[in-house]
Amino acid sequence: MAEGVRSDAGEVVELVVAYAKQETLGPLKGVGRFLLFGVLGSSFLAVGLAILLLGLLRALQTETGTTFAGKLTWVPYLATGGAAAVVAALAVWRVARGPARRQGPR
């Protein structure tokens, strides 16, 4: 009888350990994958946007001829800063009005 109780207790311990692993390690792996792709995606997006803004600045400086010459050399910087502010505002707006807000509290 004691052997049966010990084997049952061992099975219960194994079951509890397997359940704990399933309910903790599985979701943690999913969160890790989510964070990895999120960080990679945001890094690529930041580098791409920085290159696009630099391209806009250089285009305004070189392709507009003498429009921004003399005392107006600051205008391309202002325009590029404004474009960057618009991109940042769009990002903040999308984060604030994203899918989590539509779902509401659970």
PDB file of N, CA and C in Angstrom:
ATOM      1  N   MET A   1       0.819  -1.186   0.000  1.00  0.00           N
ATOM      2  CA  MET A   1       0.000   0.000   0.000  1.00  0.00           C
ATOM      3  C   MET A   1       0.871   1.262   0.000  1.00  0.00           C
ATOM      4  N   ALA A   2       1.979   1.226   0.740  1.00  0.00           N
ATOM      5  CA  ALA A   2       2.868   2.385   0.808  1.00  0.00           C
ATOM      6  C   ALA A   2       3.524   2.646  -0.526  1.00  0.00           C
ATOM      7  N   GLU A   3       3.820   1.576  -1.257  1.00  0.00           N
ATOM      8  CA  GLU A   3       4.417   1.740  -2.583  1.00  0.00           C
ATOM      9  C   GLU A   3       3.447   2.438  -3.520  1.00  0.00           C
ATOM     10  N   GLY A   4       2.185   2.116  -3.464  1.00  0.00           N
ATOM     11  CA  GLY A   4       1.169   2.729  -4.316  1.00  0.00           C
ATOM     12  C   GLY A   4       1.009   4.208  -4.036  1.00  0.00           C
ATOM     13  N   VAL A   5       1.038   4.592  -2.758  1.00  0.00           N
ATOM     14  CA  VAL A   5       0.911   5.995  -2.374  1.00  0.00           C
ATOM     15  C   VAL A   5       2.136   6.772  -2.844  1.00  0.00           C
ATOM     16  N   ARG A   6       3.324   6.169  -2.688  1.00  0.00           N
ATOM     17  CA  ARG A   6       4.547   6.844  -3.134  1.00  0.00           C
ATOM     18  C   ARG A   6       4.552   7.043  -4.642  1.00  0.00           C
ATOM     19  N   SER A   7       4.135   6.052  -5.384  1.00  0.00           N
ATOM     20  CA  SER A   7       4.116   6.195  -6.845  1.00  0.00           C
ATOM     21  C   SER A   7       3.081   7.222  -7.281  1.00  0.00           C
ATOM     22  N   ASP A   8       1.938   7.233  -6.575  1.00  0.00           N
ATOM     23  CA  ASP A   8       0.924   8.242  -6.893  1.00  0.00           C
ATOM     24  C   ASP A   8       1.431   9.647  -6.566  1.00  0.00           C
ATOM     25  N   ALA A   9       2.127   9.762  -5.438  1.00  0.00           N
ATOM     26  CA  ALA A   9       2.678  11.070  -5.066  1.00  0.00           C
ATOM     27  C   ALA A   9       3.737  11.502  -6.073  1.00  0.00           C
ATOM     28  N   GLY A  10       4.547  10.556  -6.537  1.00  0.00           N
ATOM     29  CA  GLY A  10       5.547  10.878  -7.556  1.00  0.00           C
ATOM     30  C   GLY A  10       4.898  11.318  -8.854  1.00  0.00           C
ATOM     31  N   GLU A  11       3.803  10.671  -9.229  1.00  0.00           N
ATOM     32  CA  GLU A  11       3.080  11.068 -10.443  1.00  0.00           C
ATOM     33  C   GLU A  11       2.468  12.455 -10.297  1.00  0.00           C
ATOM     34  N   VAL A  12       1.960  12.756  -9.103  1.00  0.00           N
ATOM     35  CA  VAL A  12       1.379  14.082  -8.870  1.00  0.00           C
ATOM     36  C   VAL A  12       2.457  15.157  -8.981  1.00  0.00           C
ATOM     37  N   VAL A  13       3.627  14.885  -8.404  1.00  0.00           N
ATOM     38  CA  VAL A  13       4.730  15.852  -8.486  1.00  0.00           C
ATOM     39  C   VAL A  13       5.144  16.036  -9.938  1.00  0.00           C
ATOM     40  N   GLU A  14       5.279  14.968 -10.691  1.00  0.00           N
ATOM     41  CA  GLU A  14       5.633  15.071 -12.110  1.00  0.00           C
ATOM     42  C   GLU A  14       4.580  15.847 -12.889  1.00  0.00           C
ATOM     43  N   LEU A  15       3.314  15.603 -12.576  1.00  0.00           N
ATOM     44  CA  LEU A  15       2.220  16.302 -13.251  1.00  0.00           C
ATOM     45  C   LEU A  15       2.257  17.799 -12.943  1.00  0.00           C
ATOM     46  N   VAL A  16       2.513  18.139 -11.682  1.00  0.00           N
ATOM     47  CA  VAL A  16       2.572  19.556 -11.295  1.00  0.00           C
ATOM     48  C   VAL A  16       3.754  20.245 -11.971  1.00  0.00           C
ATOM     49  N   VAL A  17       4.898  19.585 -12.018  1.00  0.00           N
ATOM     50  CA  VAL A  17       6.084  20.164 -12.661  1.00  0.00           C
ATOM     51  C   VAL A  17       5.838  20.340 -14.156  1.00  0.00           C
ATOM     52  N   ALA A  18       5.251  19.345 -14.806  1.00  0.00           N
ATOM     53  CA  ALA A  18       4.962  19.453 -16.240  1.00  0.00           C
ATOM     54  C   ALA A  18       3.971  20.578 -16.513  1.00  0.00           C
ATOM     55  N   TYR A  19       2.955  20.710 -15.658  1.00  0.00           N
ATOM     56  CA  TYR A  19       1.969  21.774 -15.823  1.00  0.00           C
ATOM     57  C   TYR A  19       2.612  23.143 -15.639  1.00  0.00           C
ATOM     58  N   ALA A  20       3.467  23.279 -14.631  1.00  0.00           N
ATOM     59  CA  ALA A  20       4.139  24.553 -14.384  1.00  0.00           C
ATOM     60  C   ALA A  20       5.030  24.930 -15.566  1.00  0.00           C
ATOM     61  N   LYS A  21       5.749  23.963 -16.109  1.00  0.00           N
ATOM     62  CA  LYS A  21       6.581  24.248 -17.281  1.00  0.00           C
ATOM     63  C   LYS A  21       5.735  24.679 -18.468  1.00  0.00           C
ATOM     64  N   GLN A  22       4.626  23.979 -18.673  1.00  0.00           N
ATOM     65  CA  GLN A  22       3.755  24.301 -19.812  1.00  0.00           C
ATOM     66  C   GLN A  22       3.168  25.693 -19.681  1.00  0.00           C
ATOM     67  N   GLU A  23       2.758  26.058 -18.490  1.00  0.00           N
ATOM     68  CA  GLU A  23       2.076  27.333 -18.298  1.00  0.00           C
ATOM     69  C   GLU A  23       3.023  28.513 -18.093  1.00  0.00           C
ATOM     70  N   THR A  24       4.309  28.265 -17.868  1.00  0.00           N
ATOM     71  CA  THR A  24       5.244  29.382 -17.692  1.00  0.00           C
ATOM     72  C   THR A  24       6.225  29.487 -18.841  1.00  0.00           C
ATOM     73  N   LEU A  25       6.835  28.398 -19.241  1.00  0.00           N
ATOM     74  CA  LEU A  25       7.856  28.466 -20.290  1.00  0.00           C
ATOM     75  C   LEU A  25       7.252  28.736 -21.660  1.00  0.00           C
ATOM     76  N   GLY A  26       6.106  28.157 -21.957  1.00  0.00           N
ATOM     77  CA  GLY A  26       5.467  28.387 -23.254  1.00  0.00           C
ATOM     78  C   GLY A  26       5.143  29.853 -23.486  1.00  0.00           C
ATOM     79  N   PRO A  27       4.401  30.483 -22.568  1.00  0.00           N
ATOM     80  CA  PRO A  27       4.117  31.915 -22.750  1.00  0.00           C
ATOM     81  C   PRO A  27       5.363  32.787 -22.742  1.00  0.00           C
ATOM     82  N   LEU A  28       6.367  32.435 -21.937  1.00  0.00           N
ATOM     83  CA  LEU A  28       7.599  33.234 -21.922  1.00  0.00           C
ATOM     84  C   LEU A  28       8.323  33.159 -23.258  1.00  0.00           C
ATOM     85  N   LYS A  29       8.302  32.002 -23.902  1.00  0.00           N
ATOM     86  CA  LYS A  29       8.911  31.888 -25.228  1.00  0.00           C
ATOM     87  C   LYS A  29       8.163  32.762 -26.227  1.00  0.00           C
ATOM     88  N   GLY A  30       6.834  32.784 -26.121  1.00  0.00           N
ATOM     89  CA  GLY A  30       6.040  33.630 -27.011  1.00  0.00           C
ATOM     90  C   GLY A  30       6.325  35.101 -26.800  1.00  0.00           C
ATOM     91  N   VAL A  31       6.455  35.515 -25.544  1.00  0.00           N
ATOM     92  CA  VAL A  31       6.765  36.914 -25.236  1.00  0.00           C
ATOM     93  C   VAL A  31       8.153  37.264 -25.740  1.00  0.00           C
ATOM     94  N   GLY A  32       9.105  36.345 -25.571  1.00  0.00           N
ATOM     95  CA  GLY A  32      10.463  36.592 -26.062  1.00  0.00           C
ATOM     96  C   GLY A  32      10.493  36.780 -27.561  1.00  0.00           C
ATOM     97  N   ARG A  33       9.754  35.955 -28.288  1.00  0.00           N
ATOM     98  CA  ARG A  33       9.687  36.073 -29.745  1.00  0.00           C
ATOM     99  C   ARG A  33       9.024  37.400 -30.133  1.00  0.00           C
ATOM    100  N   PHE A  34       7.956  37.765 -29.423  1.00  0.00           N
ATOM    101  CA  PHE A  34       7.264  39.021 -29.675  1.00  0.00           C
ATOM    102  C   PHE A  34       8.207  40.205 -29.461  1.00  0.00           C
ATOM    103  N   LEU A  35       8.960  40.183 -28.360  1.00  0.00           N
ATOM    104  CA  LEU A  35       9.904  41.264 -28.089  1.00  0.00           C
ATOM    105  C   LEU A  35      11.029  41.307 -29.113  1.00  0.00           C
ATOM    106  N   LEU A  36      11.533  40.144 -29.507  1.00  0.00           N
ATOM    107  CA  LEU A  36      12.612  40.101 -30.488  1.00  0.00           C
ATOM    108  C   LEU A  36      12.177  40.741 -31.800  1.00  0.00           C
ATOM    109  N   PHE A  37      11.033  40.326 -32.320  1.00  0.00           N
ATOM    110  CA  PHE A  37      10.572  40.889 -33.581  1.00  0.00           C
ATOM    111  C   PHE A  37      10.185  42.357 -33.431  1.00  0.00           C
ATOM    112  N   GLY A  38       9.666  42.738 -32.277  1.00  0.00           N
ATOM    113  CA  GLY A  38       9.331  44.140 -32.042  1.00  0.00           C
ATOM    114  C   GLY A  38      10.551  45.029 -32.029  1.00  0.00           C
ATOM    115  N   VAL A  39      11.589  44.587 -31.342  1.00  0.00           N
ATOM    116  CA  VAL A  39      12.827  45.381 -31.271  1.00  0.00           C
ATOM    117  C   VAL A  39      13.502  45.443 -32.634  1.00  0.00           C
ATOM    118  N   LEU A  40      13.565  44.301 -33.328  1.00  0.00           N
ATOM    119  CA  LEU A  40      14.170  44.305 -34.668  1.00  0.00           C
ATOM    120  C   LEU A  40      13.387  45.199 -35.626  1.00  0.00           C
ATOM    121  N   GLY A  41      12.079  45.077 -35.623  1.00  0.00           N
ATOM    122  CA  GLY A  41      11.258  45.885 -36.522  1.00  0.00           C
ATOM    123  C   GLY A  41      11.371  47.363 -36.232  1.00  0.00           C
ATOM    124  N   SER A  42      11.328  47.737 -34.960  1.00  0.00           N
ATOM    125  CA  SER A  42      11.427  49.160 -34.635  1.00  0.00           C
ATOM    126  C   SER A  42      12.820  49.712 -34.941  1.00  0.00           C
ATOM    127  N   SER A  43      13.842  48.877 -34.781  1.00  0.00           N
ATOM    128  CA  SER A  43      15.198  49.326 -35.129  1.00  0.00           C
ATOM    129  C   SER A  43      15.326  49.580 -36.626  1.00  0.00           C
ATOM    130  N   PHE A  44      14.841  48.638 -37.427  1.00  0.00           N
ATOM    131  CA  PHE A  44      14.889  48.821 -38.877  1.00  0.00           C
ATOM    132  C   PHE A  44      14.066  50.034 -39.308  1.00  0.00           C
ATOM    133  N   LEU A  45      12.915  50.214 -38.693  1.00  0.00           N
ATOM    134  CA  LEU A  45      12.070  51.360 -39.023  1.00  0.00           C
ATOM    135  C   LEU A  45      12.759  52.672 -38.661  1.00  0.00           C
ATOM    136  N   ALA A  46      13.409  52.723 -37.512  1.00  0.00           N
ATOM    137  CA  ALA A  46      14.099  53.947 -37.094  1.00  0.00           C
ATOM    138  C   ALA A  46      15.249  54.276 -38.034  1.00  0.00           C
ATOM    139  N   VAL A  47      16.028  53.269 -38.408  1.00  0.00           N
ATOM    140  CA  VAL A  47      17.149  53.514 -39.328  1.00  0.00           C
ATOM    141  C   VAL A  47      16.618  53.957 -40.691  1.00  0.00           C
ATOM    142  N   GLY A  48      15.589  53.302 -41.178  1.00  0.00           N
ATOM    143  CA  GLY A  48      15.011  53.667 -42.473  1.00  0.00           C
ATOM    144  C   GLY A  48      14.455  55.080 -42.479  1.00  0.00           C
ATOM    145  N   LEU A  49      13.744  55.453 -41.424  1.00  0.00           N
ATOM    146  CA  LEU A  49      13.202  56.810 -41.356  1.00  0.00           C
ATOM    147  C   LEU A  49      14.309  57.851 -41.242  1.00  0.00           C
ATOM    148  N   ALA A  50      15.365  57.539 -40.509  1.00  0.00           N
ATOM    149  CA  ALA A  50      16.488  58.476 -40.411  1.00  0.00           C
ATOM    150  C   ALA A  50      17.137  58.676 -41.779  1.00  0.00           C
ATOM    151  N   ILE A  51      17.290  57.603 -42.544  1.00  0.00           N
ATOM    152  CA  ILE A  51      17.884  57.723 -43.884  1.00  0.00           C
ATOM    153  C   ILE A  51      16.963  58.521 -44.803  1.00  0.00           C
ATOM    154  N   LEU A  52      15.655  58.277 -44.716  1.00  0.00           N
ATOM    155  CA  LEU A  52      14.709  59.042 -45.541  1.00  0.00           C
ATOM    156  C   LEU A  52      14.729  60.529 -45.186  1.00  0.00           C
ATOM    157  N   LEU A  53      14.783  60.851 -43.895  1.00  0.00           N
ATOM    158  CA  LEU A  53      14.832  62.257 -43.494  1.00  0.00           C
ATOM    159  C   LEU A  53      16.135  62.911 -43.926  1.00  0.00           C
ATOM    160  N   LEU A  54      17.225  62.188 -43.836  1.00  0.00           N
ATOM    161  CA  LEU A  54      18.500  62.719 -44.324  1.00  0.00           C
ATOM    162  C   LEU A  54      18.451  62.937 -45.836  1.00  0.00           C
ATOM    163  N   GLY A  55      17.813  62.015 -46.542  1.00  0.00           N
ATOM    164  CA  GLY A  55      17.643  62.187 -47.992  1.00  0.00           C
ATOM    165  C   GLY A  55      16.797  63.401 -48.321  1.00  0.00           C
ATOM    166  N   LEU A  56      15.736  63.625 -47.536  1.00  0.00           N
ATOM    167  CA  LEU A  56      14.911  64.812 -47.743  1.00  0.00           C
ATOM    168  C   LEU A  56      15.727  66.085 -47.518  1.00  0.00           C
ATOM    169  N   LEU A  57      16.509  66.097 -46.458  1.00  0.00           N
ATOM    170  CA  LEU A  57      17.343  67.269 -46.182  1.00  0.00           C
ATOM    171  C   LEU A  57      18.322  67.531 -47.320  1.00  0.00           C
ATOM    172  N   ARG A  58      19.011  66.500 -47.765  1.00  0.00           N
ATOM    173  CA  ARG A  58      19.987  66.682 -48.844  1.00  0.00           C
ATOM    174  C   ARG A  58      19.306  67.074 -50.149  1.00  0.00           C
ATOM    175  N   ALA A  59      18.125  66.533 -50.404  1.00  0.00           N
ATOM    176  CA  ALA A  59      17.399  66.917 -51.619  1.00  0.00           C
ATOM    177  C   ALA A  59      16.995  68.383 -51.569  1.00  0.00           C
ATOM    178  N   LEU A  60      16.523  68.831 -50.433  1.00  0.00           N
ATOM    179  CA  LEU A  60      16.157  70.241 -50.312  1.00  0.00           C
ATOM    180  C   LEU A  60      17.375  71.150 -50.435  1.00  0.00           C
ATOM    181  N   GLN A  61      18.511  70.694 -49.977  1.00  0.00           N
ATOM    182  CA  GLN A  61      19.714  71.525 -50.040  1.00  0.00           C
ATOM    183  C   GLN A  61      20.328  71.567 -51.433  1.00  0.00           C
ATOM    184  N   THR A  62      20.246  70.458 -52.166  1.00  0.00           N
ATOM    185  CA  THR A  62      20.971  70.400 -53.437  1.00  0.00           C
ATOM    186  C   THR A  62      20.077  70.549 -54.662  1.00  0.00           C
ATOM    187  N   GLU A  63      18.855  70.103 -54.602  1.00  0.00           N
ATOM    188  CA  GLU A  63      18.010  70.077 -55.797  1.00  0.00           C
ATOM    189  C   GLU A  63      17.137  71.305 -55.964  1.00  0.00           C
ATOM    190  N   THR A  64      17.168  72.223 -55.051  1.00  0.00           N
ATOM    191  CA  THR A  64      16.317  73.413 -55.160  1.00  0.00           C
ATOM    192  C   THR A  64      17.060  74.620 -55.722  1.00  0.00           C
ATOM    193  N   GLY A  65      18.265  74.402 -56.164  1.00  0.00           N
ATOM    194  CA  GLY A  65      19.029  75.495 -56.773  1.00  0.00           C
ATOM    195  C   GLY A  65      19.395  76.552 -55.747  1.00  0.00           C
ATOM    196  N   THR A  66      19.098  77.800 -56.086  1.00  0.00           N
ATOM    197  CA  THR A  66      19.449  78.911 -55.189  1.00  0.00           C
ATOM    198  C   THR A  66      18.266  79.345 -54.324  1.00  0.00           C
ATOM    199  N   THR A  67      17.212  78.545 -54.293  1.00  0.00           N
ATOM    200  CA  THR A  67      16.022  78.908 -53.518  1.00  0.00           C
ATOM    201  C   THR A  67      16.355  79.091 -52.045  1.00  0.00           C
ATOM    202  N   PHE A  68      17.137  78.186 -51.501  1.00  0.00           N
ATOM    203  CA  PHE A  68      17.482  78.255 -50.079  1.00  0.00           C
ATOM    204  C   PHE A  68      18.928  78.697 -49.882  1.00  0.00           C
ATOM    205  N   ALA A  69      19.375  79.630 -50.664  1.00  0.00           N
ATOM    206  CA  ALA A  69      20.746  80.140 -50.556  1.00  0.00           C
ATOM    207  C   ALA A  69      20.751  81.400 -49.695  1.00  0.00           C
ATOM    208  N   GLY A  70      21.923  81.772 -49.278  1.00  0.00           N
ATOM    209  CA  GLY A  70      22.073  83.013 -48.497  1.00  0.00           C
ATOM    210  C   GLY A  70      21.517  82.870 -47.095  1.00  0.00           C
ATOM    211  N   LYS A  71      20.552  83.745 -46.767  1.00  0.00           N
ATOM    212  CA  LYS A  71      19.994  83.763 -45.415  1.00  0.00           C
ATOM    213  C   LYS A  71      18.920  82.692 -45.207  1.00  0.00           C
ATOM    214  N   LEU A  72      18.573  81.948 -46.226  1.00  0.00           N
ATOM    215  CA  LEU A  72      17.524  80.927 -46.105  1.00  0.00           C
ATOM    216  C   LEU A  72      18.075  79.502 -45.999  1.00  0.00           C
ATOM    217  N   THR A  73      19.342  79.364 -45.652  1.00  0.00           N
ATOM    218  CA  THR A  73      19.926  78.021 -45.586  1.00  0.00           C
ATOM    219  C   THR A  73      19.337  77.198 -44.440  1.00  0.00           C
ATOM    220  N   TRP A  74      18.637  77.800 -43.499  1.00  0.00           N
ATOM    221  CA  TRP A  74      18.040  77.099 -42.374  1.00  0.00           C
ATOM    222  C   TRP A  74      16.699  76.472 -42.730  1.00  0.00           C
ATOM    223  N   VAL A  75      16.092  76.876 -43.824  1.00  0.00           N
ATOM    224  CA  VAL A  75      14.754  76.390 -44.183  1.00  0.00           C
ATOM    225  C   VAL A  75      14.726  74.877 -44.435  1.00  0.00           C
ATOM    226  N   PRO A  76      15.690  74.275 -45.140  1.00  0.00           N
ATOM    227  CA  PRO A  76      15.649  72.809 -45.289  1.00  0.00           C
ATOM    228  C   PRO A  76      15.700  72.070 -43.954  1.00  0.00           C
ATOM    229  N   TYR A  77      16.450  72.599 -42.993  1.00  0.00           N
ATOM    230  CA  TYR A  77      16.507  71.977 -41.678  1.00  0.00           C
ATOM    231  C   TYR A  77      15.154  72.068 -40.974  1.00  0.00           C
ATOM    232  N   LEU A  78      14.508  73.213 -41.096  1.00  0.00           N
ATOM    233  CA  LEU A  78      13.186  73.393 -40.502  1.00  0.00           C
ATOM    234  C   LEU A  78      12.172  72.455 -41.155  1.00  0.00           C
ATOM    235  N   ALA A  79      12.210  72.347 -42.477  1.00  0.00           N
ATOM    236  CA  ALA A  79      11.284  71.468 -43.181  1.00  0.00           C
ATOM    237  C   ALA A  79      11.512  70.007 -42.803  1.00  0.00           C
ATOM    238  N   THR A  80      12.760  69.608 -42.693  1.00  0.00           N
ATOM    239  CA  THR A  80      13.068  68.235 -42.305  1.00  0.00           C
ATOM    240  C   THR A  80      12.654  67.981 -40.861  1.00  0.00           C
ATOM    241  N   GLY A  81      12.880  68.929 -39.992  1.00  0.00           N
ATOM    242  CA  GLY A  81      12.430  68.802 -38.602  1.00  0.00           C
ATOM    243  C   GLY A  81      10.917  68.712 -38.514  1.00  0.00           C
ATOM    244  N   GLY A  82      10.229  69.479 -39.356  1.00  0.00           N
ATOM    245  CA  GLY A  82       8.763  69.402 -39.397  1.00  0.00           C
ATOM    246  C   GLY A  82       8.283  68.044 -39.876  1.00  0.00           C
ATOM    247  N   ALA A  83       8.954  67.492 -40.892  1.00  0.00           N
ATOM    248  CA  ALA A  83       8.595  66.158 -41.379  1.00  0.00           C
ATOM    249  C   ALA A  83       8.835  65.114 -40.294  1.00  0.00           C
ATOM    250  N   ALA A  84       9.928  65.245 -39.563  1.00  0.00           N
ATOM    251  CA  ALA A  84      10.208  64.318 -38.466  1.00  0.00           C
ATOM    252  C   ALA A  84       9.156  64.444 -37.370  1.00  0.00           C
ATOM    253  N   ALA A  85       8.715  65.661 -37.090  1.00  0.00           N
ATOM    254  CA  ALA A  85       7.671  65.873 -36.075  1.00  0.00           C
ATOM    255  C   ALA A  85       6.353  65.255 -36.510  1.00  0.00           C
ATOM    256  N   VAL A  86       6.042  65.338 -37.795  1.00  0.00           N
ATOM    257  CA  VAL A  86       4.815  64.723 -38.303  1.00  0.00           C
ATOM    258  C   VAL A  86       4.876  63.203 -38.166  1.00  0.00           C
ATOM    259  N   VAL A  87       6.013  62.619 -38.505  1.00  0.00           N
ATOM    260  CA  VAL A  87       6.178  61.165 -38.375  1.00  0.00           C
ATOM    261  C   VAL A  87       6.057  60.754 -36.910  1.00  0.00           C
ATOM    262  N   ALA A  88       6.671  61.512 -36.013  1.00  0.00           N
ATOM    263  CA  ALA A  88       6.586  61.198 -34.587  1.00  0.00           C
ATOM    264  C   ALA A  88       5.157  61.336 -34.076  1.00  0.00           C
ATOM    265  N   ALA A  89       4.452  62.369 -34.523  1.00  0.00           N
ATOM    266  CA  ALA A  89       3.068  62.562 -34.101  1.00  0.00           C
ATOM    267  C   ALA A  89       2.182  61.423 -34.605  1.00  0.00           C
ATOM    268  N   LEU A  90       2.410  60.975 -35.839  1.00  0.00           N
ATOM    269  CA  LEU A  90       1.644  59.837 -36.358  1.00  0.00           C
ATOM    270  C   LEU A  90       1.911  58.569 -35.552  1.00  0.00           C
ATOM    271  N   ALA A  91       3.148  58.365 -35.162  1.00  0.00           N
ATOM    272  CA  ALA A  91       3.493  57.186 -34.360  1.00  0.00           C
ATOM    273  C   ALA A  91       2.814  57.245 -32.994  1.00  0.00           C
ATOM    274  N   VAL A  92       2.849  58.394 -32.349  1.00  0.00           N
ATOM    275  CA  VAL A  92       2.199  58.545 -31.046  1.00  0.00           C
ATOM    276  C   VAL A  92       0.697  58.361 -31.175  1.00  0.00           C
ATOM    277  N   TRP A  93       0.110  58.905 -32.220  1.00  0.00           N
ATOM    278  CA  TRP A  93      -1.322  58.767 -32.441  1.00  0.00           C
ATOM    279  C   TRP A  93      -1.715  57.304 -32.627  1.00  0.00           C
ATOM    280  N   ARG A  94      -0.921  56.559 -33.412  1.00  0.00           N
ATOM    281  CA  ARG A  94      -1.231  55.150 -33.652  1.00  0.00           C
ATOM    282  C   ARG A  94      -1.052  54.310 -32.397  1.00  0.00           C
ATOM    283  N   VAL A  95      -0.065  54.641 -31.587  1.00  0.00           N
ATOM    284  CA  VAL A  95       0.121  53.891 -30.341  1.00  0.00           C
ATOM    285  C   VAL A  95      -1.045  54.168 -29.397  1.00  0.00           C
ATOM    286  N   ALA A  96      -1.459  55.431 -29.315  1.00  0.00           N
ATOM    287  CA  ALA A  96      -2.548  55.794 -28.408  1.00  0.00           C
ATOM    288  C   ALA A  96      -3.893  55.252 -28.875  1.00  0.00           C
ATOM    289  N   ARG A  97      -4.097  55.130 -30.163  1.00  0.00           N
ATOM    290  CA  ARG A  97      -5.374  54.665 -30.697  1.00  0.00           C
ATOM    291  C   ARG A  97      -5.278  53.267 -31.301  1.00  0.00           C
ATOM    292  N   GLY A  98      -4.351  52.480 -30.815  1.00  0.00           N
ATOM    293  CA  GLY A  98      -4.094  51.159 -31.381  1.00  0.00           C
ATOM    294  C   GLY A  98      -5.116  50.115 -31.003  1.00  0.00           C
ATOM    295  N   PRO A  99      -4.850  48.862 -31.349  1.00  0.00           N
ATOM    296  CA  PRO A  99      -5.812  47.788 -31.130  1.00  0.00           C
ATOM    297  C   PRO A  99      -6.083  47.520 -29.646  1.00  0.00           C
ATOM    298  N   ALA A 100      -5.155  47.798 -28.762  1.00  0.00           N
ATOM    299  CA  ALA A 100      -5.385  47.551 -27.351  1.00  0.00           C
ATOM    300  C   ALA A 100      -6.478  48.465 -26.812  1.00  0.00           C
ATOM    301  N   ARG A 101      -6.547  49.664 -27.295  1.00  0.00           N
ATOM    302  CA  ARG A 101      -7.578  50.598 -26.837  1.00  0.00           C
ATOM    303  C   ARG A 101      -8.951  50.202 -27.356  1.00  0.00           C
ATOM    304  N   ARG A 102      -9.017  49.652 -28.551  1.00  0.00           N
ATOM    305  CA  ARG A 102     -10.307  49.235 -29.115  1.00  0.00           C
ATOM    306  C   ARG A 102     -10.899  48.052 -28.366  1.00  0.00           C
ATOM    307  N   GLN A 103     -10.033  47.157 -27.870  1.00  0.00           N
ATOM    308  CA  GLN A 103     -10.522  45.983 -27.172  1.00  0.00           C
ATOM    309  C   GLN A 103     -11.111  46.349 -25.807  1.00  0.00           C
ATOM    310  N   GLY A 104     -10.539  47.329 -25.177  1.00  0.00           N
ATOM    311  CA  GLY A 104     -11.023  47.750 -23.888  1.00  0.00           C
ATOM    312  C   GLY A 104     -10.603  46.789 -22.789  1.00  0.00           C
ATOM    313  N   PRO A 105     -11.051  47.059 -21.569  1.00  0.00           N
ATOM    314  CA  PRO A 105     -10.684  46.180 -20.451  1.00  0.00           C
ATOM    315  C   PRO A 105     -11.371  44.830 -20.570  1.00  0.00           C
ATOM    316  N   ARG A 106     -10.694  43.842 -20.068  1.00  0.00           N
ATOM    317  CA  ARG A 106     -11.260  42.485 -20.131  1.00  0.00           C
ATOM    318  C   ARG A 106     -12.004  42.137 -18.895  1.00  0.00           C
TER     319      ARG A 106
END
